[in-house]
Amino acid sequence: MAGLTPTPHHRPEGKAGKTMACNCGGTAAQWPPQPVVVYELTLPDGTVRRYVTHQEADAANKRAGSTGVITAVTQ
């Protein structure tokens, strides 16, 4: 690769001129991404509501007369 000059990685200098590892951006992203589970409450009239926890979906179902169906859905 003629004519190209490689650029050094950014490494801030610490005490006594020693280089420190760069922590730019925090933690590394997990791959593959973790699936997200939500709980869908389907009521008899066809209304579908989503909740983060099963406990929330269950409480909403009880408020609606305990006639709905709760399903775990992976997004």
PDB file of N, CA and C in Angstrom:
ATOM      1  N   MET A   1       0.841  -1.165   0.000  1.00  0.00           N
ATOM      2  CA  MET A   1       0.000   0.000   0.000  1.00  0.00           C
ATOM      3  C   MET A   1       0.894   1.240   0.000  1.00  0.00           C
ATOM      4  N   ALA A   2       1.341   1.593  -1.162  1.00  0.00           N
ATOM      5  CA  ALA A   2       2.257   2.716  -1.303  1.00  0.00           C
ATOM      6  C   ALA A   2       1.552   4.040  -1.059  1.00  0.00           C
ATOM      7  N   GLY A   3       2.251   4.928  -0.374  1.00  0.00           N
ATOM      8  CA  GLY A   3       1.731   6.269  -0.167  1.00  0.00           C
ATOM      9  C   GLY A   3       0.808   6.428   1.021  1.00  0.00           C
ATOM     10  N   LEU A   4       0.445   5.336   1.700  1.00  0.00           N
ATOM     11  CA  LEU A   4      -0.440   5.436   2.852  1.00  0.00           C
ATOM     12  C   LEU A   4       0.368   5.325   4.129  1.00  0.00           C
ATOM     13  N   THR A   5       0.089   6.185   5.081  1.00  0.00           N
ATOM     14  CA  THR A   5       0.772   6.149   6.365  1.00  0.00           C
ATOM     15  C   THR A   5      -0.215   5.633   7.401  1.00  0.00           C
ATOM     16  N   PRO A   6       0.125   4.539   8.079  1.00  0.00           N
ATOM     17  CA  PRO A   6      -0.801   4.030   9.089  1.00  0.00           C
ATOM     18  C   PRO A   6      -0.923   5.007  10.255  1.00  0.00           C
ATOM     19  N   THR A   7      -2.128   5.151  10.787  1.00  0.00           N
ATOM     20  CA  THR A   7      -2.335   6.036  11.928  1.00  0.00           C
ATOM     21  C   THR A   7      -2.376   5.192  13.193  1.00  0.00           C
ATOM     22  N   PRO A   8      -1.712   5.655  14.264  1.00  0.00           N
ATOM     23  CA  PRO A   8      -1.707   4.889  15.513  1.00  0.00           C
ATOM     24  C   PRO A   8      -3.074   4.960  16.189  1.00  0.00           C
ATOM     25  N   HIS A   9      -3.386   3.936  16.969  1.00  0.00           N
ATOM     26  CA  HIS A   9      -4.625   3.940  17.751  1.00  0.00           C
ATOM     27  C   HIS A   9      -4.518   4.987  18.840  1.00  0.00           C
ATOM     28  N   HIS A  10      -5.628   5.533  19.239  1.00  0.00           N
ATOM     29  CA  HIS A  10      -5.652   6.528  20.305  1.00  0.00           C
ATOM     30  C   HIS A  10      -5.408   5.822  21.632  1.00  0.00           C
ATOM     31  N   ARG A  11      -4.289   6.130  22.253  1.00  0.00           N
ATOM     32  CA  ARG A  11      -3.973   5.596  23.577  1.00  0.00           C
ATOM     33  C   ARG A  11      -3.463   6.750  24.429  1.00  0.00           C
ATOM     34  N   PRO A  12      -4.300   7.246  25.348  1.00  0.00           N
ATOM     35  CA  PRO A  12      -3.876   8.367  26.183  1.00  0.00           C
ATOM     36  C   PRO A  12      -2.651   7.991  27.008  1.00  0.00           C
ATOM     37  N   GLU A  13      -1.808   8.964  27.246  1.00  0.00           N
ATOM     38  CA  GLU A  13      -0.610   8.691  28.032  1.00  0.00           C
ATOM     39  C   GLU A  13      -0.902   8.859  29.508  1.00  0.00           C
ATOM     40  N   GLY A  14      -0.398   7.928  30.296  1.00  0.00           N
ATOM     41  CA  GLY A  14      -0.568   7.972  31.740  1.00  0.00           C
ATOM     42  C   GLY A  14       0.684   8.512  32.401  1.00  0.00           C
ATOM     43  N   LYS A  15       0.930   8.087  33.631  1.00  0.00           N
ATOM     44  CA  LYS A  15       2.097   8.542  34.384  1.00  0.00           C
ATOM     45  C   LYS A  15       3.377   8.074  33.699  1.00  0.00           C
ATOM     46  N   ALA A  16       4.382   8.883  33.742  1.00  0.00           N
ATOM     47  CA  ALA A  16       5.714   8.571  33.224  1.00  0.00           C
ATOM     48  C   ALA A  16       5.687   8.226  31.741  1.00  0.00           C
ATOM     49  N   GLY A  17       4.713   8.756  30.997  1.00  0.00           N
ATOM     50  CA  GLY A  17       4.688   8.558  29.561  1.00  0.00           C
ATOM     51  C   GLY A  17       4.244   7.184  29.106  1.00  0.00           C
ATOM     52  N   LYS A  18       3.816   6.309  30.026  1.00  0.00           N
ATOM     53  CA  LYS A  18       3.348   4.974  29.639  1.00  0.00           C
ATOM     54  C   LYS A  18       1.949   5.086  29.045  1.00  0.00           C
ATOM     55  N   THR A  19       1.666   4.250  28.075  1.00  0.00           N
ATOM     56  CA  THR A  19       0.346   4.307  27.449  1.00  0.00           C
ATOM     57  C   THR A  19      -0.653   3.511  28.272  1.00  0.00           C
ATOM     58  N   MET A  20      -1.903   3.975  28.257  1.00  0.00           N
ATOM     59  CA  MET A  20      -2.993   3.291  28.955  1.00  0.00           C
ATOM     60  C   MET A  20      -3.968   2.764  27.904  1.00  0.00           C
ATOM     61  N   ALA A  21      -4.638   1.691  28.239  1.00  0.00           N
ATOM     62  CA  ALA A  21      -5.642   1.145  27.332  1.00  0.00           C
ATOM     63  C   ALA A  21      -6.789   2.132  27.191  1.00  0.00           C
ATOM     64  N   CYS A  22      -7.336   2.223  26.002  1.00  0.00           N
ATOM     65  CA  CYS A  22      -8.442   3.133  25.741  1.00  0.00           C
ATOM     66  C   CYS A  22      -9.756   2.466  26.141  1.00  0.00           C
ATOM     67  N   ASN A  23     -10.597   3.188  26.861  1.00  0.00           N
ATOM     68  CA  ASN A  23     -11.907   2.687  27.243  1.00  0.00           C
ATOM     69  C   ASN A  23     -12.960   3.573  26.589  1.00  0.00           C
ATOM     70  N   CYS A  24     -12.841   3.776  25.304  1.00  0.00           N
ATOM     71  CA  CYS A  24     -13.767   4.638  24.582  1.00  0.00           C
ATOM     72  C   CYS A  24     -15.090   3.910  24.355  1.00  0.00           C
ATOM     73  N   GLY A  25     -16.165   4.446  24.872  1.00  0.00           N
ATOM     74  CA  GLY A  25     -17.474   3.873  24.583  1.00  0.00           C
ATOM     75  C   GLY A  25     -17.987   2.875  25.591  1.00  0.00           C
ATOM     76  N   GLY A  26     -17.282   2.619  26.673  1.00  0.00           N
ATOM     77  CA  GLY A  26     -17.795   1.732  27.712  1.00  0.00           C
ATOM     78  C   GLY A  26     -17.681   0.269  27.352  1.00  0.00           C
ATOM     79  N   THR A  27     -18.670  -0.512  27.753  1.00  0.00           N
ATOM     80  CA  THR A  27     -18.616  -1.956  27.543  1.00  0.00           C
ATOM     81  C   THR A  27     -18.921  -2.315  26.098  1.00  0.00           C
ATOM     82  N   ALA A  28     -18.384  -3.432  25.684  1.00  0.00           N
ATOM     83  CA  ALA A  28     -18.605  -3.899  24.313  1.00  0.00           C
ATOM     84  C   ALA A  28     -20.032  -4.425  24.164  1.00  0.00           C
ATOM     85  N   ALA A  29     -20.583  -4.259  22.995  1.00  0.00           N
ATOM     86  CA  ALA A  29     -21.937  -4.758  22.708  1.00  0.00           C
ATOM     87  C   ALA A  29     -21.923  -6.285  22.677  1.00  0.00           C
ATOM     88  N   GLN A  30     -22.968  -6.876  23.183  1.00  0.00           N
ATOM     89  CA  GLN A  30     -23.083  -8.337  23.155  1.00  0.00           C
ATOM     90  C   GLN A  30     -23.592  -8.752  21.784  1.00  0.00           C
ATOM     91  N   TRP A  31     -23.023  -9.806  21.241  1.00  0.00           N
ATOM     92  CA  TRP A  31     -23.458 -10.305  19.954  1.00  0.00           C
ATOM     93  C   TRP A  31     -23.613 -11.783  20.037  1.00  0.00           C
ATOM     94  N   PRO A  32     -24.661 -12.383  19.643  1.00  0.00           N
ATOM     95  CA  PRO A  32     -25.836 -11.722  19.060  1.00  0.00           C
ATOM     96  C   PRO A  32     -26.630 -10.994  20.137  1.00  0.00           C
ATOM     97  N   PRO A  33     -27.451 -10.030  19.739  1.00  0.00           N
ATOM     98  CA  PRO A  33     -28.241  -9.298  20.728  1.00  0.00           C
ATOM     99  C   PRO A  33     -29.184 -10.233  21.477  1.00  0.00           C
ATOM    100  N   GLN A  34     -29.358  -9.943  22.759  1.00  0.00           N
ATOM    101  CA  GLN A  34     -30.228 -10.771  23.582  1.00  0.00           C
ATOM    102  C   GLN A  34     -31.696 -10.496  23.225  1.00  0.00           C
ATOM    103  N   PRO A  35     -32.502 -11.543  23.118  1.00  0.00           N
ATOM    104  CA  PRO A  35     -33.923 -11.324  22.807  1.00  0.00           C
ATOM    105  C   PRO A  35     -34.636 -10.645  23.971  1.00  0.00           C
ATOM    106  N   VAL A  36     -35.644  -9.856  23.641  1.00  0.00           N
ATOM    107  CA  VAL A  36     -36.443  -9.161  24.641  1.00  0.00           C
ATOM    108  C   VAL A  36     -37.784  -9.882  24.735  1.00  0.00           C
ATOM    109  N   VAL A  37     -38.182 -10.214  25.956  1.00  0.00           N
ATOM    110  CA  VAL A  37     -39.470 -10.879  26.172  1.00  0.00           C
ATOM    111  C   VAL A  37     -40.451  -9.861  26.715  1.00  0.00           C
ATOM    112  N   VAL A  38     -41.611  -9.758  26.083  1.00  0.00           N
ATOM    113  CA  VAL A  38     -42.710  -8.936  26.586  1.00  0.00           C
ATOM    114  C   VAL A  38     -43.922  -9.843  26.749  1.00  0.00           C
ATOM    115  N   TYR A  39     -44.854  -9.394  27.542  1.00  0.00           N
ATOM    116  CA  TYR A  39     -46.055 -10.179  27.813  1.00  0.00           C
ATOM    117  C   TYR A  39     -47.247  -9.459  27.212  1.00  0.00           C
ATOM    118  N   GLU A  40     -47.943 -10.150  26.323  1.00  0.00           N
ATOM    119  CA  GLU A  40     -49.118  -9.581  25.674  1.00  0.00           C
ATOM    120  C   GLU A  40     -50.375 -10.072  26.371  1.00  0.00           C
ATOM    121  N   LEU A  41     -51.232  -9.139  26.704  1.00  0.00           N
ATOM    122  CA  LEU A  41     -52.536  -9.451  27.268  1.00  0.00           C
ATOM    123  C   LEU A  41     -53.554  -9.246  26.166  1.00  0.00           C
ATOM    124  N   THR A  42     -54.227 -10.318  25.766  1.00  0.00           N
ATOM    125  CA  THR A  42     -55.266 -10.238  24.741  1.00  0.00           C
ATOM    126  C   THR A  42     -56.616 -10.369  25.429  1.00  0.00           C
ATOM    127  N   LEU A  43     -57.426  -9.334  25.272  1.00  0.00           N
ATOM    128  CA  LEU A  43     -58.756  -9.324  25.896  1.00  0.00           C
ATOM    129  C   LEU A  43     -59.794  -9.872  24.916  1.00  0.00           C
ATOM    130  N   PRO A  44     -60.934 -10.303  25.429  1.00  0.00           N
ATOM    131  CA  PRO A  44     -61.964 -10.912  24.575  1.00  0.00           C
ATOM    132  C   PRO A  44     -62.443 -10.010  23.432  1.00  0.00           C
ATOM    133  N   ASP A  45     -62.358  -8.687  23.605  1.00  0.00           N
ATOM    134  CA  ASP A  45     -62.809  -7.783  22.538  1.00  0.00           C
ATOM    135  C   ASP A  45     -61.738  -7.573  21.467  1.00  0.00           C
ATOM    136  N   GLY A  46     -60.602  -8.272  21.580  1.00  0.00           N
ATOM    137  CA  GLY A  46     -59.541  -8.175  20.581  1.00  0.00           C
ATOM    138  C   GLY A  46     -58.446  -7.182  20.923  1.00  0.00           C
ATOM    139  N   THR A  47     -58.604  -6.448  22.006  1.00  0.00           N
ATOM    140  CA  THR A  47     -57.582  -5.498  22.430  1.00  0.00           C
ATOM    141  C   THR A  47     -56.338  -6.247  22.880  1.00  0.00           C
ATOM    142  N   VAL A  48     -55.164  -5.792  22.411  1.00  0.00           N
ATOM    143  CA  VAL A  48     -53.894  -6.404  22.815  1.00  0.00           C
ATOM    144  C   VAL A  48     -53.057  -5.329  23.478  1.00  0.00           C
ATOM    145  N   ARG A  49     -52.589  -5.632  24.681  1.00  0.00           N
ATOM    146  CA  ARG A  49     -51.721  -4.711  25.409  1.00  0.00           C
ATOM    147  C   ARG A  49     -50.441  -5.440  25.771  1.00  0.00           C
ATOM    148  N   ARG A  50     -49.319  -4.706  25.740  1.00  0.00           N
ATOM    149  CA  ARG A  50     -48.022  -5.314  26.045  1.00  0.00           C
ATOM    150  C   ARG A  50     -47.503  -4.786  27.374  1.00  0.00           C
ATOM    151  N   TYR A  51     -46.874  -5.695  28.140  1.00  0.00           N
ATOM    152  CA  TYR A  51     -46.317  -5.354  29.442  1.00  0.00           C
ATOM    153  C   TYR A  51     -44.908  -5.925  29.563  1.00  0.00           C
ATOM    154  N   VAL A  52     -44.088  -5.257  30.359  1.00  0.00           N
ATOM    155  CA  VAL A  52     -42.695  -5.663  30.525  1.00  0.00           C
ATOM    156  C   VAL A  52     -42.583  -6.914  31.389  1.00  0.00           C
ATOM    157  N   THR A  53     -43.441  -7.032  32.410  1.00  0.00           N
ATOM    158  CA  THR A  53     -43.383  -8.201  33.295  1.00  0.00           C
ATOM    159  C   THR A  53     -44.718  -8.953  33.269  1.00  0.00           C
ATOM    160  N   HIS A  54     -44.638 -10.227  33.602  1.00  0.00           N
ATOM    161  CA  HIS A  54     -45.848 -11.054  33.690  1.00  0.00           C
ATOM    162  C   HIS A  54     -46.742 -10.535  34.806  1.00  0.00           C
ATOM    163  N   GLN A  55     -46.124 -10.051  35.878  1.00  0.00           N
ATOM    164  CA  GLN A  55     -46.885  -9.537  37.013  1.00  0.00           C
ATOM    165  C   GLN A  55     -47.764  -8.357  36.592  1.00  0.00           C
ATOM    166  N   GLU A  56     -47.225  -7.461  35.762  1.00  0.00           N
ATOM    167  CA  GLU A  56     -48.018  -6.325  35.268  1.00  0.00           C
ATOM    168  C   GLU A  56     -49.175  -6.802  34.395  1.00  0.00           C
ATOM    169  N   ALA A  57     -48.883  -7.760  33.520  1.00  0.00           N
ATOM    170  CA  ALA A  57     -49.930  -8.288  32.639  1.00  0.00           C
ATOM    171  C   ALA A  57     -51.019  -8.974  33.448  1.00  0.00           C
ATOM    172  N   ASP A  58     -50.613  -9.702  34.474  1.00  0.00           N
ATOM    173  CA  ASP A  58     -51.572 -10.405  35.320  1.00  0.00           C
ATOM    174  C   ASP A  58     -52.451  -9.403  36.093  1.00  0.00           C
ATOM    175  N   ALA A  59     -51.845  -8.348  36.614  1.00  0.00           N
ATOM    176  CA  ALA A  59     -52.616  -7.333  37.347  1.00  0.00           C
ATOM    177  C   ALA A  59     -53.609  -6.643  36.419  1.00  0.00           C
ATOM    178  N   ALA A  60     -53.190  -6.328  35.186  1.00  0.00           N
ATOM    179  CA  ALA A  60     -54.096  -5.702  34.224  1.00  0.00           C
ATOM    180  C   ALA A  60     -55.231  -6.645  33.855  1.00  0.00           C
ATOM    181  N   ASN A  61     -54.918  -7.921  33.726  1.00  0.00           N
ATOM    182  CA  ASN A  61     -55.948  -8.919  33.407  1.00  0.00           C
ATOM    183  C   ASN A  61     -56.975  -8.997  34.535  1.00  0.00           C
ATOM    184  N   LYS A  62     -56.508  -8.967  35.770  1.00  0.00           N
ATOM    185  CA  LYS A  62     -57.432  -9.015  36.916  1.00  0.00           C
ATOM    186  C   LYS A  62     -58.324  -7.778  36.938  1.00  0.00           C
ATOM    187  N   ARG A  63     -57.742  -6.604  36.609  1.00  0.00           N
ATOM    188  CA  ARG A  63     -58.553  -5.380  36.569  1.00  0.00           C
ATOM    189  C   ARG A  63     -59.615  -5.459  35.485  1.00  0.00           C
ATOM    190  N   ALA A  64     -59.316  -6.227  34.416  1.00  0.00           N
ATOM    191  CA  ALA A  64     -60.257  -6.357  33.300  1.00  0.00           C
ATOM    192  C   ALA A  64     -61.234  -7.517  33.506  1.00  0.00           C
ATOM    193  N   GLY A  65     -61.224  -8.129  34.690  1.00  0.00           N
ATOM    194  CA  GLY A  65     -62.173  -9.201  34.975  1.00  0.00           C
ATOM    195  C   GLY A  65     -61.611 -10.593  34.774  1.00  0.00           C
ATOM    196  N   SER A  66     -60.296 -10.727  34.634  1.00  0.00           N
ATOM    197  CA  SER A  66     -59.627 -12.026  34.477  1.00  0.00           C
ATOM    198  C   SER A  66     -60.142 -12.821  33.283  1.00  0.00           C
ATOM    199  N   THR A  67     -60.474 -12.119  32.213  1.00  0.00           N
ATOM    200  CA  THR A  67     -61.004 -12.816  31.033  1.00  0.00           C
ATOM    201  C   THR A  67     -60.006 -12.871  29.883  1.00  0.00           C
ATOM    202  N   GLY A  68     -58.821 -12.247  30.059  1.00  0.00           N
ATOM    203  CA  GLY A  68     -57.846 -12.176  28.981  1.00  0.00           C
ATOM    204  C   GLY A  68     -56.874 -13.344  28.994  1.00  0.00           C
ATOM    205  N   VAL A  69     -56.046 -13.391  27.966  1.00  0.00           N
ATOM    206  CA  VAL A  69     -55.019 -14.425  27.818  1.00  0.00           C
ATOM    207  C   VAL A  69     -53.661 -13.731  27.769  1.00  0.00           C
ATOM    208  N   ILE A  70     -52.717 -14.208  28.591  1.00  0.00           N
ATOM    209  CA  ILE A  70     -51.373 -13.639  28.619  1.00  0.00           C
ATOM    210  C   ILE A  70     -50.436 -14.558  27.847  1.00  0.00           C
ATOM    211  N   THR A  71     -49.684 -13.980  26.916  1.00  0.00           N
ATOM    212  CA  THR A  71     -48.752 -14.749  26.101  1.00  0.00           C
ATOM    213  C   THR A  71     -47.379 -14.081  26.161  1.00  0.00           C
ATOM    214  N   ALA A  72     -46.319 -14.875  26.383  1.00  0.00           N
ATOM    215  CA  ALA A  72     -44.954 -14.354  26.333  1.00  0.00           C
ATOM    216  C   ALA A  72     -44.531 -14.279  24.864  1.00  0.00           C
ATOM    217  N   VAL A  73     -44.011 -13.115  24.454  1.00  0.00           N
ATOM    218  CA  VAL A  73     -43.608 -12.888  23.070  1.00  0.00           C
ATOM    219  C   VAL A  73     -42.152 -12.439  23.056  1.00  0.00           C
ATOM    220  N   THR A  74     -41.336 -13.068  22.217  1.00  0.00           N
ATOM    221  CA  THR A  74     -39.943 -12.682  22.062  1.00  0.00           C
ATOM    222  C   THR A  74     -39.820 -11.705  20.905  1.00  0.00           C
ATOM    223  N   GLN A  75     -39.142 -10.600  21.153  1.00  0.00           N
ATOM    224  CA  GLN A  75     -38.973  -9.590  20.094  1.00  0.00           C
ATOM    225  C   GLN A  75     -37.566  -9.631  19.579  1.00  0.00           C
TER     226      GLN A  75
END
